[in-house]
Amino acid sequence: MKLDKLSPAPHSIKKPKRVGRGCSSGHGFTSGRGSKGQKSRSGAKIKRGFEGGQMPLYRRIPKRGFINVFKKKIIPINLERLNIFNEGETITPQKLIDAGIIKKIDHGVKILAKGKLNKKLIVQAHQFSQQAIKEIESIGGKIEVI
């Protein structure tokens, strides 16, 4: 038997605090709840953000704008980032993840025309800008909309 092999580890399991067992126990009388007030009563349930009847912070701060919960998150990728692939290779969104260009595909991938593409590639994506289509096809590559 070794000290580091003891299971469970010493002092890892504590006995629960026994409250309401007399004043001399140290946890008697009010049982650690303090005296008076809503939190000292049994069955007290206070909503998150409740400030004792004062106007809560989330209602005091002005609300502005509109958040569209149905918005599609399209990930933009510039043409210059595709130069890491080999000539004639088919580029899919999954290959972009594997290469570390993007982390995940939310609602799609859009290829933008920033930078110069030096290799003939077959690019598969959800959207393309008009300039990117011209750039890819001028080199001799192909585009495929997924």
Protein backbone atom coordinates (compact mmCIF):
# COMPACT_ATOMS: atom_id res chain seq x y z
CA MET A 1 0.00 0.00 0.00
CA LYS A 2 1.31 3.41 -1.01
CA LEU A 3 -0.05 6.84 -0.16
CA ASP A 4 -0.52 7.82 -3.81
CA LYS A 5 -2.44 4.59 -4.53
CA LEU A 6 -5.14 5.14 -1.90
CA SER A 7 -8.64 5.11 -3.33
CA PRO A 8 -10.57 7.33 -2.93
CA ALA A 9 -7.88 9.96 -2.36
CA PRO A 10 -7.61 11.13 1.26
CA HIS A 11 -9.91 14.09 2.04
CA SER A 12 -11.56 13.89 -1.39
CA ILE A 13 -14.90 12.84 0.09
CA LYS A 14 -16.15 15.26 2.71
CA LYS A 15 -19.01 14.63 5.08
CA PRO A 16 -21.97 16.94 4.44
CA LYS A 17 -22.46 19.93 6.74
CA ARG A 18 -25.04 18.96 9.38
CA VAL A 19 -27.15 22.02 10.05
CA GLY A 20 -29.84 22.63 12.62
CA ARG A 21 -28.29 20.38 15.30
CA GLY A 22 -28.14 22.88 18.16
CA CYS A 23 -26.33 26.15 18.80
CA SER A 24 -23.11 24.57 20.08
CA SER A 25 -22.57 22.74 16.75
CA GLY A 26 -21.80 26.05 15.05
CA HIS A 27 -24.54 25.47 12.47
CA GLY A 28 -27.62 25.67 14.64
CA PHE A 29 -30.37 28.26 15.12
CA THR A 30 -30.37 29.84 11.61
CA SER A 31 -28.43 26.93 10.03
CA GLY A 32 -25.96 29.15 8.19
CA ARG A 33 -28.66 31.11 6.34
CA GLY A 34 -28.24 34.37 8.24
CA SER A 35 -31.20 36.05 9.87
CA LYS A 36 -34.36 37.34 8.20
CA GLY A 37 -35.06 37.99 4.55
CA GLN A 38 -36.40 35.97 1.65
CA LYS A 39 -33.30 33.78 1.33
CA SER A 40 -33.49 32.66 4.95
CA ARG A 41 -36.99 31.19 4.51
CA SER A 42 -37.70 27.66 3.41
CA GLY A 43 -38.86 27.17 -0.17
CA ALA A 44 -37.28 30.47 -1.30
CA LYS A 45 -36.95 30.62 -5.07
CA ILE A 46 -35.53 33.85 -6.45
CA LYS A 47 -35.45 34.36 -10.20
CA ARG A 48 -32.14 34.94 -11.94
CA GLY A 49 -31.63 38.69 -12.32
CA PHE A 50 -33.99 39.58 -9.43
CA GLU A 51 -32.69 42.65 -7.59
CA GLY A 52 -35.05 42.85 -4.63
CA GLY A 53 -37.79 44.73 -6.46
CA GLN A 54 -35.43 47.32 -7.97
CA MET A 55 -35.76 47.60 -11.75
CA PRO A 56 -33.39 44.85 -13.00
CA LEU A 57 -30.32 45.69 -15.06
CA TYR A 58 -31.57 43.82 -18.14
CA ARG A 59 -34.68 46.06 -18.16
CA ARG A 60 -32.78 49.30 -17.47
CA ILE A 61 -30.43 49.00 -20.45
CA PRO A 62 -31.91 50.26 -23.76
CA LYS A 63 -32.49 47.66 -26.44
CA ARG A 64 -31.44 48.53 -29.98
CA GLY A 65 -31.35 46.83 -33.31
CA PHE A 66 -32.59 43.53 -34.61
CA ILE A 67 -30.99 40.07 -34.56
CA ASN A 68 -32.06 37.78 -37.36
CA VAL A 69 -32.06 34.25 -35.94
CA PHE A 70 -32.51 32.78 -39.44
CA LYS A 71 -29.36 34.42 -40.85
CA LYS A 72 -27.16 32.07 -42.88
CA LYS A 73 -23.46 32.15 -41.99
CA ILE A 74 -21.49 31.84 -45.23
CA ILE A 75 -17.72 31.48 -44.81
CA PRO A 76 -15.74 33.65 -47.28
CA ILE A 77 -12.50 32.33 -48.79
CA ASN A 78 -10.18 34.34 -51.04
CA LEU A 79 -8.70 32.83 -54.21
CA GLU A 80 -5.11 33.36 -53.03
CA ARG A 81 -5.69 30.85 -50.18
CA LEU A 82 -6.33 28.07 -52.75
CA ASN A 83 -2.74 28.20 -54.07
CA ILE A 84 -1.64 25.64 -51.44
CA PHE A 85 -3.39 22.84 -53.37
CA ASN A 86 -1.81 20.87 -56.24
CA GLU A 87 -2.50 21.52 -59.93
CA GLY A 88 -5.72 19.90 -61.20
CA GLU A 89 -6.96 18.96 -57.73
CA THR A 90 -10.65 19.04 -56.84
CA ILE A 91 -11.24 21.34 -53.88
CA THR A 92 -14.25 20.60 -51.67
CA PRO A 93 -15.29 22.24 -48.39
CA GLN A 94 -14.05 19.13 -46.54
CA LYS A 95 -10.58 19.54 -48.11
CA LEU A 96 -10.56 23.16 -46.94
CA ILE A 97 -11.17 21.94 -43.38
CA ASP A 98 -8.44 19.31 -43.67
CA ALA A 99 -5.98 21.92 -44.98
CA GLY A 100 -6.79 24.21 -42.03
CA ILE A 101 -8.16 27.06 -44.16
CA ILE A 102 -11.55 26.92 -42.41
CA LYS A 103 -12.63 25.38 -39.10
CA LYS A 104 -16.17 24.27 -39.94
CA ILE A 105 -18.89 24.66 -42.53
CA ASP A 106 -21.90 26.48 -41.08
CA HIS A 107 -24.26 27.17 -43.98
CA GLY A 108 -21.82 27.23 -46.86
CA VAL A 109 -18.59 28.45 -48.38
CA LYS A 110 -18.23 31.39 -50.78
CA ILE A 111 -15.18 31.89 -52.97
CA LEU A 112 -14.15 35.54 -53.40
CA ALA A 113 -11.77 37.00 -55.98
CA LYS A 114 -9.17 38.65 -53.73
CA GLY A 115 -5.63 37.70 -54.69
CA LYS A 116 -4.26 35.77 -57.65
CA LEU A 117 -4.86 32.08 -58.38
CA ASN A 118 -1.83 30.45 -60.03
CA LYS A 119 -3.05 26.87 -60.50
CA LYS A 120 -5.72 25.17 -62.58
CA LEU A 121 -8.20 23.79 -60.05
CA ILE A 122 -11.69 22.31 -59.88
CA VAL A 123 -13.41 24.25 -57.10
CA GLN A 124 -16.60 23.05 -55.43
CA ALA A 125 -18.36 25.57 -53.18
CA HIS A 126 -21.83 26.80 -52.28
CA GLN A 127 -21.38 30.28 -53.78
CA PHE A 128 -18.93 32.16 -56.01
CA SER A 129 -18.49 35.85 -56.71
CA GLN A 130 -18.71 36.82 -60.40
CA GLN A 131 -15.08 37.98 -60.42
CA ALA A 132 -13.93 34.69 -58.85
CA ILE A 133 -15.71 32.69 -61.57
CA LYS A 134 -13.87 34.73 -64.25
CA GLU A 135 -10.50 34.26 -62.49
CA ILE A 136 -10.87 30.48 -62.10
CA GLU A 137 -12.11 29.92 -65.66
CA SER A 138 -9.49 32.24 -67.21
CA ILE A 139 -6.73 29.98 -65.85
CA GLY A 140 -8.53 26.87 -67.18
CA GLY A 141 -10.12 25.67 -63.94
CA LYS A 142 -13.73 24.71 -63.35
CA ILE A 143 -16.32 25.75 -60.81
CA GLU A 144 -19.03 23.50 -59.40
CA VAL A 145 -21.87 24.87 -57.27
CA ILE A 146 -22.83 22.41 -54.52
